[in-house]
Amino acid sequence: MGILSSLFGGGSKELQALKDNGAVVIDVRTPGEFKNGHVKGAKNYPLQNIGSKTQEIKRLNKPVILCCASGMRSGQAKGILKSAGIECANGGSWTKVDRLYSN
């Protein structure tokens, strides 16, 4: 995976595979941003709180697709969750992930 994909979101094959395996979508934007539009069924855990949610996320026992406005915050969240042993990918912008889940 290239540096830009790592920063701004994973490739569509990786995301599709996670979706097919029952991935949970976690949006790391603020509650206000989330309220203005989000992927149907997504959970909202703002980036500043993601570290305290790792045990809760582990209990979901599912892979995670992270999203935000551009892919920057979800990229940071990916690093936090990966270091906690959670299978996850940076989906990039929530609109990109929304398109994946709309198909």
PDB file of N, CA and C in Angstrom:
ATOM      1  N   MET A   1       0.854  -1.172   0.000  1.00  0.00           N
ATOM      2  CA  MET A   1       0.000   0.000   0.000  1.00  0.00           C
ATOM      3  C   MET A   1       0.895   1.229   0.000  1.00  0.00           C
ATOM      4  N   GLY A   2       0.599   2.183  -0.831  1.00  0.00           N
ATOM      5  CA  GLY A   2       1.401   3.387  -0.926  1.00  0.00           C
ATOM      6  C   GLY A   2       1.176   4.331   0.237  1.00  0.00           C
ATOM      7  N   ILE A   3       2.056   5.316   0.343  1.00  0.00           N
ATOM      8  CA  ILE A   3       1.980   6.285   1.439  1.00  0.00           C
ATOM      9  C   ILE A   3       0.666   7.070   1.406  1.00  0.00           C
ATOM     10  N   LEU A   4       0.194   7.437   0.228  1.00  0.00           N
ATOM     11  CA  LEU A   4      -1.055   8.197   0.154  1.00  0.00           C
ATOM     12  C   LEU A   4      -2.240   7.347   0.591  1.00  0.00           C
ATOM     13  N   SER A   5      -2.267   6.071   0.203  1.00  0.00           N
ATOM     14  CA  SER A   5      -3.340   5.183   0.647  1.00  0.00           C
ATOM     15  C   SER A   5      -3.301   5.019   2.157  1.00  0.00           C
ATOM     16  N   SER A   6      -2.106   4.935   2.697  1.00  0.00           N
ATOM     17  CA  SER A   6      -1.962   4.792   4.137  1.00  0.00           C
ATOM     18  C   SER A   6      -2.501   6.017   4.863  1.00  0.00           C
ATOM     19  N   LEU A   7      -2.248   7.193   4.295  1.00  0.00           N
ATOM     20  CA  LEU A   7      -2.692   8.429   4.935  1.00  0.00           C
ATOM     21  C   LEU A   7      -4.165   8.722   4.705  1.00  0.00           C
ATOM     22  N   PHE A   8      -4.647   8.510   3.498  1.00  0.00           N
ATOM     23  CA  PHE A   8      -5.984   8.967   3.140  1.00  0.00           C
ATOM     24  C   PHE A   8      -6.994   7.854   2.906  1.00  0.00           C
ATOM     25  N   GLY A   9      -6.632   6.625   3.130  1.00  0.00           N
ATOM     26  CA  GLY A   9      -7.603   5.540   3.030  1.00  0.00           C
ATOM     27  C   GLY A   9      -7.084   4.363   2.243  1.00  0.00           C
ATOM     28  N   GLY A  10      -7.521   3.204   2.666  1.00  0.00           N
ATOM     29  CA  GLY A  10      -7.088   1.973   2.041  1.00  0.00           C
ATOM     30  C   GLY A  10      -7.692   1.762   0.669  1.00  0.00           C
ATOM     31  N   GLY A  11      -7.168   0.771  -0.023  1.00  0.00           N
ATOM     32  CA  GLY A  11      -7.667   0.436  -1.347  1.00  0.00           C
ATOM     33  C   GLY A  11      -9.047  -0.206  -1.271  1.00  0.00           C
ATOM     34  N   SER A  12      -9.763  -0.134  -2.377  1.00  0.00           N
ATOM     35  CA  SER A  12     -11.137  -0.628  -2.381  1.00  0.00           C
ATOM     36  C   SER A  12     -11.215  -2.139  -2.155  1.00  0.00           C
ATOM     37  N   LYS A  13     -10.226  -2.905  -2.612  1.00  0.00           N
ATOM     38  CA  LYS A  13     -10.245  -4.356  -2.392  1.00  0.00           C
ATOM     39  C   LYS A  13     -10.112  -4.681  -0.908  1.00  0.00           C
ATOM     40  N   GLU A  14      -9.213  -3.984  -0.227  1.00  0.00           N
ATOM     41  CA  GLU A  14      -9.024  -4.192   1.216  1.00  0.00           C
ATOM     42  C   GLU A  14     -10.304  -3.846   1.970  1.00  0.00           C
ATOM     43  N   LEU A  15     -10.898  -2.715   1.634  1.00  0.00           N
ATOM     44  CA  LEU A  15     -12.112  -2.287   2.323  1.00  0.00           C
ATOM     45  C   LEU A  15     -13.274  -3.228   2.032  1.00  0.00           C
ATOM     46  N   GLN A  16     -13.391  -3.673   0.794  1.00  0.00           N
ATOM     47  CA  GLN A  16     -14.457  -4.604   0.437  1.00  0.00           C
ATOM     48  C   GLN A  16     -14.305  -5.915   1.201  1.00  0.00           C
ATOM     49  N   ALA A  17     -13.072  -6.393   1.335  1.00  0.00           N
ATOM     50  CA  ALA A  17     -12.826  -7.637   2.069  1.00  0.00           C
ATOM     51  C   ALA A  17     -13.231  -7.482   3.538  1.00  0.00           C
ATOM     52  N   LEU A  18     -12.907  -6.346   4.134  1.00  0.00           N
ATOM     53  CA  LEU A  18     -13.298  -6.115   5.522  1.00  0.00           C
ATOM     54  C   LEU A  18     -14.815  -6.023   5.647  1.00  0.00           C
ATOM     55  N   LYS A  19     -15.436  -5.320   4.713  1.00  0.00           N
ATOM     56  CA  LYS A  19     -16.902  -5.217   4.713  1.00  0.00           C
ATOM     57  C   LYS A  19     -17.522  -6.611   4.623  1.00  0.00           C
ATOM     58  N   ASP A  20     -17.006  -7.438   3.710  1.00  0.00           N
ATOM     59  CA  ASP A  20     -17.516  -8.791   3.526  1.00  0.00           C
ATOM     60  C   ASP A  20     -17.344  -9.649   4.781  1.00  0.00           C
ATOM     61  N   ASN A  21     -16.368  -9.290   5.620  1.00  0.00           N
ATOM     62  CA  ASN A  21     -16.127 -10.009   6.870  1.00  0.00           C
ATOM     63  C   ASN A  21     -16.868  -9.373   8.046  1.00  0.00           C
ATOM     64  N   GLY A  22     -17.851  -8.520   7.741  1.00  0.00           N
ATOM     65  CA  GLY A  22     -18.688  -7.947   8.797  1.00  0.00           C
ATOM     66  C   GLY A  22     -18.102  -6.761   9.527  1.00  0.00           C
ATOM     67  N   ALA A  23     -17.232  -6.025   8.874  1.00  0.00           N
ATOM     68  CA  ALA A  23     -16.582  -4.889   9.527  1.00  0.00           C
ATOM     69  C   ALA A  23     -17.577  -3.882  10.096  1.00  0.00           C
ATOM     70  N   VAL A  24     -17.185  -3.310  11.212  1.00  0.00           N
ATOM     71  CA  VAL A  24     -17.915  -2.217  11.842  1.00  0.00           C
ATOM     72  C   VAL A  24     -17.287  -0.918  11.337  1.00  0.00           C
ATOM     73  N   VAL A  25     -18.116   0.050  10.975  1.00  0.00           N
ATOM     74  CA  VAL A  25     -17.605   1.360  10.562  1.00  0.00           C
ATOM     75  C   VAL A  25     -17.568   2.264  11.781  1.00  0.00           C
ATOM     76  N   ILE A  26     -16.389   2.823  12.034  1.00  0.00           N
ATOM     77  CA  ILE A  26     -16.224   3.779  13.124  1.00  0.00           C
ATOM     78  C   ILE A  26     -15.787   5.103  12.528  1.00  0.00           C
ATOM     79  N   ASP A  27     -16.594   6.112  12.775  1.00  0.00           N
ATOM     80  CA  ASP A  27     -16.347   7.470  12.301  1.00  0.00           C
ATOM     81  C   ASP A  27     -15.697   8.237  13.443  1.00  0.00           C
ATOM     82  N   VAL A  28     -14.510   8.783  13.211  1.00  0.00           N
ATOM     83  CA  VAL A  28     -13.758   9.435  14.282  1.00  0.00           C
ATOM     84  C   VAL A  28     -13.879  10.959  14.260  1.00  0.00           C
ATOM     85  N   ARG A  29     -14.867  11.464  13.524  1.00  0.00           N
ATOM     86  CA  ARG A  29     -15.111  12.911  13.530  1.00  0.00           C
ATOM     87  C   ARG A  29     -15.824  13.322  14.818  1.00  0.00           C
ATOM     88  N   THR A  30     -15.979  14.613  15.007  1.00  0.00           N
ATOM     89  CA  THR A  30     -16.682  15.122  16.179  1.00  0.00           C
ATOM     90  C   THR A  30     -18.166  14.771  16.080  1.00  0.00           C
ATOM     91  N   PRO A  31     -18.878  14.753  17.205  1.00  0.00           N
ATOM     92  CA  PRO A  31     -20.316  14.477  17.160  1.00  0.00           C
ATOM     93  C   PRO A  31     -21.085  15.449  16.246  1.00  0.00           C
ATOM     94  N   GLY A  32     -20.676  16.701  16.208  1.00  0.00           N
ATOM     95  CA  GLY A  32     -21.328  17.672  15.328  1.00  0.00           C
ATOM     96  C   GLY A  32     -21.146  17.321  13.858  1.00  0.00           C
ATOM     97  N   GLU A  33     -19.935  16.939  13.477  1.00  0.00           N
ATOM     98  CA  GLU A  33     -19.678  16.523  12.095  1.00  0.00           C
ATOM     99  C   GLU A  33     -20.484  15.265  11.764  1.00  0.00           C
ATOM    100  N   PHE A  34     -20.490  14.329  12.686  1.00  0.00           N
ATOM    101  CA  PHE A  34     -21.200  13.063  12.493  1.00  0.00           C
ATOM    102  C   PHE A  34     -22.694  13.318  12.291  1.00  0.00           C
ATOM    103  N   LYS A  35     -23.236  14.221  13.083  1.00  0.00           N
ATOM    104  CA  LYS A  35     -24.662  14.550  13.019  1.00  0.00           C
ATOM    105  C   LYS A  35     -25.060  15.103  11.650  1.00  0.00           C
ATOM    106  N   ASN A  36     -24.125  15.757  10.985  1.00  0.00           N
ATOM    107  CA  ASN A  36     -24.403  16.360   9.677  1.00  0.00           C
ATOM    108  C   ASN A  36     -24.306  15.376   8.518  1.00  0.00           C
ATOM    109  N   GLY A  37     -24.045  14.119   8.788  1.00  0.00           N
ATOM    110  CA  GLY A  37     -23.970  13.091   7.757  1.00  0.00           C
ATOM    111  C   GLY A  37     -22.977  12.025   8.139  1.00  0.00           C
ATOM    112  N   HIS A  38     -23.363  10.759   7.933  1.00  0.00           N
ATOM    113  CA  HIS A  38     -22.476   9.647   8.265  1.00  0.00           C
ATOM    114  C   HIS A  38     -22.957   8.383   7.560  1.00  0.00           C
ATOM    115  N   VAL A  39     -22.117   7.364   7.587  1.00  0.00           N
ATOM    116  CA  VAL A  39     -22.447   6.060   7.029  1.00  0.00           C
ATOM    117  C   VAL A  39     -23.531   5.441   7.908  1.00  0.00           C
ATOM    118  N   LYS A  40     -24.575   4.934   7.278  1.00  0.00           N
ATOM    119  CA  LYS A  40     -25.666   4.313   8.028  1.00  0.00           C
ATOM    120  C   LYS A  40     -25.120   3.166   8.875  1.00  0.00           C
ATOM    121  N   GLY A  41     -25.434   3.183  10.158  1.00  0.00           N
ATOM    122  CA  GLY A  41     -24.989   2.144  11.080  1.00  0.00           C
ATOM    123  C   GLY A  41     -23.616   2.381  11.691  1.00  0.00           C
ATOM    124  N   ALA A  42     -22.939   3.455  11.278  1.00  0.00           N
ATOM    125  CA  ALA A  42     -21.598   3.738  11.812  1.00  0.00           C
ATOM    126  C   ALA A  42     -21.675   4.136  13.282  1.00  0.00           C
ATOM    127  N   LYS A  43     -20.611   3.817  13.995  1.00  0.00           N
ATOM    128  CA  LYS A  43     -20.459   4.256  15.379  1.00  0.00           C
ATOM    129  C   LYS A  43     -19.605   5.514  15.362  1.00  0.00           C
ATOM    130  N   ASN A  44     -19.882   6.425  16.275  1.00  0.00           N
ATOM    131  CA  ASN A  44     -19.124   7.677  16.354  1.00  0.00           C
ATOM    132  C   ASN A  44     -18.269   7.684  17.611  1.00  0.00           C
ATOM    133  N   TYR A  45     -16.964   7.471  17.408  1.00  0.00           N
ATOM    134  CA  TYR A  45     -15.993   7.573  18.488  1.00  0.00           C
ATOM    135  C   TYR A  45     -14.976   8.629  18.062  1.00  0.00           C
ATOM    136  N   PRO A  46     -15.118   9.863  18.526  1.00  0.00           N
ATOM    137  CA  PRO A  46     -14.177  10.913  18.124  1.00  0.00           C
ATOM    138  C   PRO A  46     -12.723  10.513  18.398  1.00  0.00           C
ATOM    139  N   LEU A  47     -11.839  10.972  17.531  1.00  0.00           N
ATOM    140  CA  LEU A  47     -10.420  10.607  17.632  1.00  0.00           C
ATOM    141  C   LEU A  47      -9.872  10.803  19.034  1.00  0.00           C
ATOM    142  N   GLN A  48     -10.214  11.903  19.680  1.00  0.00           N
ATOM    143  CA  GLN A  48      -9.653  12.178  21.004  1.00  0.00           C
ATOM    144  C   GLN A  48     -10.106  11.151  22.053  1.00  0.00           C
ATOM    145  N   ASN A  49     -11.138  10.354  21.757  1.00  0.00           N
ATOM    146  CA  ASN A  49     -11.624   9.343  22.698  1.00  0.00           C
ATOM    147  C   ASN A  49     -11.298   7.909  22.282  1.00  0.00           C
ATOM    148  N   ILE A  50     -10.739   7.730  21.098  1.00  0.00           N
ATOM    149  CA  ILE A  50     -10.577   6.377  20.547  1.00  0.00           C
ATOM    150  C   ILE A  50      -9.687   5.491  21.427  1.00  0.00           C
ATOM    151  N   GLY A  51      -8.683   6.066  22.030  1.00  0.00           N
ATOM    152  CA  GLY A  51      -7.787   5.282  22.887  1.00  0.00           C
ATOM    153  C   GLY A  51      -8.498   4.668  24.073  1.00  0.00           C
ATOM    154  N   SER A  52      -9.495   5.360  24.607  1.00  0.00           N
ATOM    155  CA  SER A  52     -10.239   4.842  25.755  1.00  0.00           C
ATOM    156  C   SER A  52     -11.336   3.871  25.344  1.00  0.00           C
ATOM    157  N   LYS A  53     -11.537   3.685  24.049  1.00  0.00           N
ATOM    158  CA  LYS A  53     -12.591   2.792  23.538  1.00  0.00           C
ATOM    159  C   LYS A  53     -12.047   1.470  23.010  1.00  0.00           C
ATOM    160  N   THR A  54     -10.742   1.235  23.131  1.00  0.00           N
ATOM    161  CA  THR A  54     -10.161   0.042  22.509  1.00  0.00           C
ATOM    162  C   THR A  54     -10.754  -1.254  23.058  1.00  0.00           C
ATOM    163  N   GLN A  55     -10.989  -1.337  24.360  1.00  0.00           N
ATOM    164  CA  GLN A  55     -11.550  -2.576  24.925  1.00  0.00           C
ATOM    165  C   GLN A  55     -12.974  -2.793  24.423  1.00  0.00           C
ATOM    166  N   GLU A  56     -13.741  -1.723  24.339  1.00  0.00           N
ATOM    167  CA  GLU A  56     -15.109  -1.802  23.812  1.00  0.00           C
ATOM    168  C   GLU A  56     -15.093  -2.268  22.352  1.00  0.00           C
ATOM    169  N   ILE A  57     -14.155  -1.728  21.585  1.00  0.00           N
ATOM    170  CA  ILE A  57     -14.038  -2.101  20.170  1.00  0.00           C
ATOM    171  C   ILE A  57     -13.587  -3.552  20.036  1.00  0.00           C
ATOM    172  N   LYS A  58     -12.659  -3.989  20.879  1.00  0.00           N
ATOM    173  CA  LYS A  58     -12.214  -5.391  20.852  1.00  0.00           C
ATOM    174  C   LYS A  58     -13.372  -6.340  21.123  1.00  0.00           C
ATOM    175  N   ARG A  59     -14.272  -5.949  22.034  1.00  0.00           N
ATOM    176  CA  ARG A  59     -15.407  -6.811  22.383  1.00  0.00           C
ATOM    177  C   ARG A  59     -16.385  -6.976  21.211  1.00  0.00           C
ATOM    178  N   LEU A  60     -16.331  -6.085  20.226  1.00  0.00           N
ATOM    179  CA  LEU A  60     -17.182  -6.239  19.042  1.00  0.00           C
ATOM    180  C   LEU A  60     -16.780  -7.480  18.257  1.00  0.00           C
ATOM    181  N   ASN A  61     -15.505  -7.858  18.386  1.00  0.00           N
ATOM    182  CA  ASN A  61     -14.948  -9.048  17.735  1.00  0.00           C
ATOM    183  C   ASN A  61     -15.183  -9.035  16.219  1.00  0.00           C
ATOM    184  N   LYS A  62     -14.999  -7.860  15.629  1.00  0.00           N
ATOM    185  CA  LYS A  62     -15.160  -7.681  14.185  1.00  0.00           C
ATOM    186  C   LYS A  62     -14.055  -6.752  13.693  1.00  0.00           C
ATOM    187  N   PRO A  63     -13.712  -6.876  12.403  1.00  0.00           N
ATOM    188  CA  PRO A  63     -12.765  -5.900  11.855  1.00  0.00           C
ATOM    189  C   PRO A  63     -13.418  -4.521  11.826  1.00  0.00           C
ATOM    190  N   VAL A  64     -12.596  -3.497  11.698  1.00  0.00           N
ATOM    191  CA  VAL A  64     -13.071  -2.114  11.758  1.00  0.00           C
ATOM    192  C   VAL A  64     -12.612  -1.350  10.526  1.00  0.00           C
ATOM    193  N   ILE A  65     -13.530  -0.577   9.954  1.00  0.00           N
ATOM    194  CA  ILE A  65     -13.189   0.399   8.918  1.00  0.00           C
ATOM    195  C   ILE A  65     -13.368   1.767   9.549  1.00  0.00           C
ATOM    196  N   LEU A  66     -12.298   2.530   9.564  1.00  0.00           N
ATOM    197  CA  LEU A  66     -12.315   3.864  10.157  1.00  0.00           C
ATOM    198  C   LEU A  66     -12.523   4.915   9.081  1.00  0.00           C
ATOM    199  N   CYS A  67     -13.235   5.983   9.416  1.00  0.00           N
ATOM    200  CA  CYS A  67     -13.414   7.080   8.467  1.00  0.00           C
ATOM    201  C   CYS A  67     -13.502   8.398   9.223  1.00  0.00           C
ATOM    202  N   CYS A  68     -13.349   9.478   8.475  1.00  0.00           N
ATOM    203  CA  CYS A  68     -13.459  10.834   9.017  1.00  0.00           C
ATOM    204  C   CYS A  68     -13.814  11.753   7.854  1.00  0.00           C
ATOM    205  N   ALA A  69     -13.337  12.979   7.874  1.00  0.00           N
ATOM    206  CA  ALA A  69     -13.633  13.908   6.781  1.00  0.00           C
ATOM    207  C   ALA A  69     -12.718  13.678   5.578  1.00  0.00           C
ATOM    208  N   SER A  70     -11.428  13.464   5.841  1.00  0.00           N
ATOM    209  CA  SER A  70     -10.469  13.354   4.739  1.00  0.00           C
ATOM    210  C   SER A  70      -9.631  12.078   4.763  1.00  0.00           C
ATOM    211  N   GLY A  71      -9.540  11.452   5.904  1.00  0.00           N
ATOM    212  CA  GLY A  71      -8.689  10.278   6.059  1.00  0.00           C
ATOM    213  C   GLY A  71      -7.524  10.516   6.995  1.00  0.00           C
ATOM    214  N   MET A  72      -7.305  11.750   7.380  1.00  0.00           N
ATOM    215  CA  MET A  72      -6.182  12.046   8.278  1.00  0.00           C
ATOM    216  C   MET A  72      -6.450  11.542   9.705  1.00  0.00           C
ATOM    217  N   ARG A  73      -7.583  11.912  10.277  1.00  0.00           N
ATOM    218  CA  ARG A  73      -7.892  11.475  11.640  1.00  0.00           C
ATOM    219  C   ARG A  73      -8.102   9.961  11.690  1.00  0.00           C
ATOM    220  N   SER A  74      -8.741   9.406  10.672  1.00  0.00           N
ATOM    221  CA  SER A  74      -8.941   7.955  10.670  1.00  0.00           C
ATOM    222  C   SER A  74      -7.601   7.230  10.520  1.00  0.00           C
ATOM    223  N   GLY A  75      -6.636   7.856   9.852  1.00  0.00           N
ATOM    224  CA  GLY A  75      -5.291   7.295   9.770  1.00  0.00           C
ATOM    225  C   GLY A  75      -4.626   7.247  11.133  1.00  0.00           C
ATOM    226  N   GLN A  76      -4.810   8.301  11.921  1.00  0.00           N
ATOM    227  CA  GLN A  76      -4.272   8.324  13.281  1.00  0.00           C
ATOM    228  C   GLN A  76      -4.960   7.271  14.139  1.00  0.00           C
ATOM    229  N   ALA A  77      -6.280   7.162  13.998  1.00  0.00           N
ATOM    230  CA  ALA A  77      -7.038   6.185  14.772  1.00  0.00           C
ATOM    231  C   ALA A  77      -6.593   4.762  14.419  1.00  0.00           C
ATOM    232  N   LYS A  78      -6.297   4.532  13.147  1.00  0.00           N
ATOM    233  CA  LYS A  78      -5.824   3.212  12.718  1.00  0.00           C
ATOM    234  C   LYS A  78      -4.564   2.830  13.487  1.00  0.00           C
ATOM    235  N   GLY A  79      -3.644   3.758  13.631  1.00  0.00           N
ATOM    236  CA  GLY A  79      -2.415   3.486  14.372  1.00  0.00           C
ATOM    237  C   GLY A  79      -2.692   3.111  15.818  1.00  0.00           C
ATOM    238  N   ILE A  80      -3.635   3.798  16.440  1.00  0.00           N
ATOM    239  CA  ILE A  80      -3.992   3.529  17.832  1.00  0.00           C
ATOM    240  C   ILE A  80      -4.616   2.138  17.954  1.00  0.00           C
ATOM    241  N   LEU A  81      -5.560   1.833  17.061  1.00  0.00           N
ATOM    242  CA  LEU A  81      -6.243   0.541  17.149  1.00  0.00           C
ATOM    243  C   LEU A  81      -5.331  -0.618  16.766  1.00  0.00           C
ATOM    244  N   LYS A  82      -4.498  -0.434  15.746  1.00  0.00           N
ATOM    245  CA  LYS A  82      -3.546  -1.487  15.351  1.00  0.00           C
ATOM    246  C   LYS A  82      -2.623  -1.829  16.516  1.00  0.00           C
ATOM    247  N   SER A  83      -2.143  -0.790  17.221  1.00  0.00           N
ATOM    248  CA  SER A  83      -1.229  -1.038  18.339  1.00  0.00           C
ATOM    249  C   SER A  83      -1.938  -1.756  19.488  1.00  0.00           C
ATOM    250  N   ALA A  84      -3.276  -1.703  19.507  1.00  0.00           N
ATOM    251  CA  ALA A  84      -4.059  -2.422  20.512  1.00  0.00           C
ATOM    252  C   ALA A  84      -4.452  -3.814  20.017  1.00  0.00           C
ATOM    253  N   GLY A  85      -3.980  -4.188  18.811  1.00  0.00           N
ATOM    254  CA  GLY A  85      -4.241  -5.521  18.279  1.00  0.00           C
ATOM    255  C   GLY A  85      -5.582  -5.671  17.584  1.00  0.00           C
ATOM    256  N   ILE A  86      -6.157  -4.569  17.143  1.00  0.00           N
ATOM    257  CA  ILE A  86      -7.460  -4.596  16.477  1.00  0.00           C
ATOM    258  C   ILE A  86      -7.259  -4.569  14.965  1.00  0.00           C
ATOM    259  N   GLU A  87      -7.907  -5.502  14.259  1.00  0.00           N
ATOM    260  CA  GLU A  87      -7.840  -5.516  12.796  1.00  0.00           C
ATOM    261  C   GLU A  87      -8.645  -4.335  12.270  1.00  0.00           C
ATOM    262  N   CYS A  88      -7.977  -3.443  11.549  1.00  0.00           N
ATOM    263  CA  CYS A  88      -8.657  -2.245  11.067  1.00  0.00           C
ATOM    264  C   CYS A  88      -7.977  -1.694   9.824  1.00  0.00           C
ATOM    265  N   ALA A  89      -8.728  -0.818   9.146  1.00  0.00           N
ATOM    266  CA  ALA A  89      -8.201  -0.142   7.964  1.00  0.00           C
ATOM    267  C   ALA A  89      -8.715   1.283   7.957  1.00  0.00           C
ATOM    268  N   ASN A  90      -7.927   2.152   7.375  1.00  0.00           N
ATOM    269  CA  ASN A  90      -8.330   3.536   7.184  1.00  0.00           C
ATOM    270  C   ASN A  90      -9.158   3.599   5.906  1.00  0.00           C
ATOM    271  N   GLY A  91     -10.449   3.831   6.056  1.00  0.00           N
ATOM    272  CA  GLY A  91     -11.330   3.930   4.896  1.00  0.00           C
ATOM    273  C   GLY A  91     -11.269   5.266   4.198  1.00  0.00           C
ATOM    274  N   GLY A  92     -10.632   6.253   4.833  1.00  0.00           N
ATOM    275  CA  GLY A  92     -10.568   7.594   4.247  1.00  0.00           C
ATOM    276  C   GLY A  92     -11.788   8.411   4.631  1.00  0.00           C
ATOM    277  N   SER A  93     -12.293   9.159   3.690  1.00  0.00           N
ATOM    278  CA  SER A  93     -13.432  10.031   3.979  1.00  0.00           C
ATOM    279  C   SER A  93     -14.699   9.208   4.203  1.00  0.00           C
ATOM    280  N   TRP A  94     -15.572   9.730   5.025  1.00  0.00           N
ATOM    281  CA  TRP A  94     -16.819   9.013   5.305  1.00  0.00           C
ATOM    282  C   TRP A  94     -17.657   8.859   4.039  1.00  0.00           C
ATOM    283  N   THR A  95     -17.539   9.812   3.109  1.00  0.00           N
ATOM    284  CA  THR A  95     -18.321   9.706   1.873  1.00  0.00           C
ATOM    285  C   THR A  95     -17.826   8.542   1.016  1.00  0.00           C
ATOM    286  N   LYS A  96     -16.525   8.278   1.051  1.00  0.00           N
ATOM    287  CA  LYS A  96     -15.968   7.126   0.331  1.00  0.00           C
ATOM    288  C   LYS A  96     -16.497   5.829   0.929  1.00  0.00           C
ATOM    289  N   VAL A  97     -16.482   5.735   2.240  1.00  0.00           N
ATOM    290  CA  VAL A  97     -16.974   4.537   2.916  1.00  0.00           C
ATOM    291  C   VAL A  97     -18.483   4.404   2.703  1.00  0.00           C
ATOM    292  N   ASP A  98     -19.183   5.511   2.686  1.00  0.00           N
ATOM    293  CA  ASP A  98     -20.624   5.499   2.446  1.00  0.00           C
ATOM    294  C   ASP A  98     -20.937   4.908   1.073  1.00  0.00           C
ATOM    295  N   ARG A  99     -20.142   5.258   0.068  1.00  0.00           N
ATOM    296  CA  ARG A  99     -20.330   4.684  -1.266  1.00  0.00           C
ATOM    297  C   ARG A  99     -20.121   3.177  -1.250  1.00  0.00           C
ATOM    298  N   LEU A 100     -19.125   2.714  -0.504  1.00  0.00           N
ATOM    299  CA  LEU A 100     -18.861   1.278  -0.383  1.00  0.00           C
ATOM    300  C   LEU A 100     -20.069   0.566   0.212  1.00  0.00           C
ATOM    301  N   TYR A 101     -20.681   1.156   1.218  1.00  0.00           N
ATOM    302  CA  TYR A 101     -21.802   0.522   1.906  1.00  0.00           C
ATOM    303  C   TYR A 101     -23.128   0.747   1.174  1.00  0.00           C
ATOM    304  N   SER A 102     -23.153   1.637   0.226  1.00  0.00           N
ATOM    305  CA  SER A 102     -24.379   1.891  -0.539  1.00  0.00           C
ATOM    306  C   SER A 102     -24.516   0.932  -1.718  1.00  0.00           C
ATOM    307  N   ASN A 103     -23.423   0.243  -2.067  1.00  0.00           N
ATOM    308  CA  ASN A 103     -23.454  -0.690  -3.207  1.00  0.00           C
ATOM    309  C   ASN A 103     -23.921  -2.053  -2.799  1.00  0.00           C
TER     310      ASN A 103
END
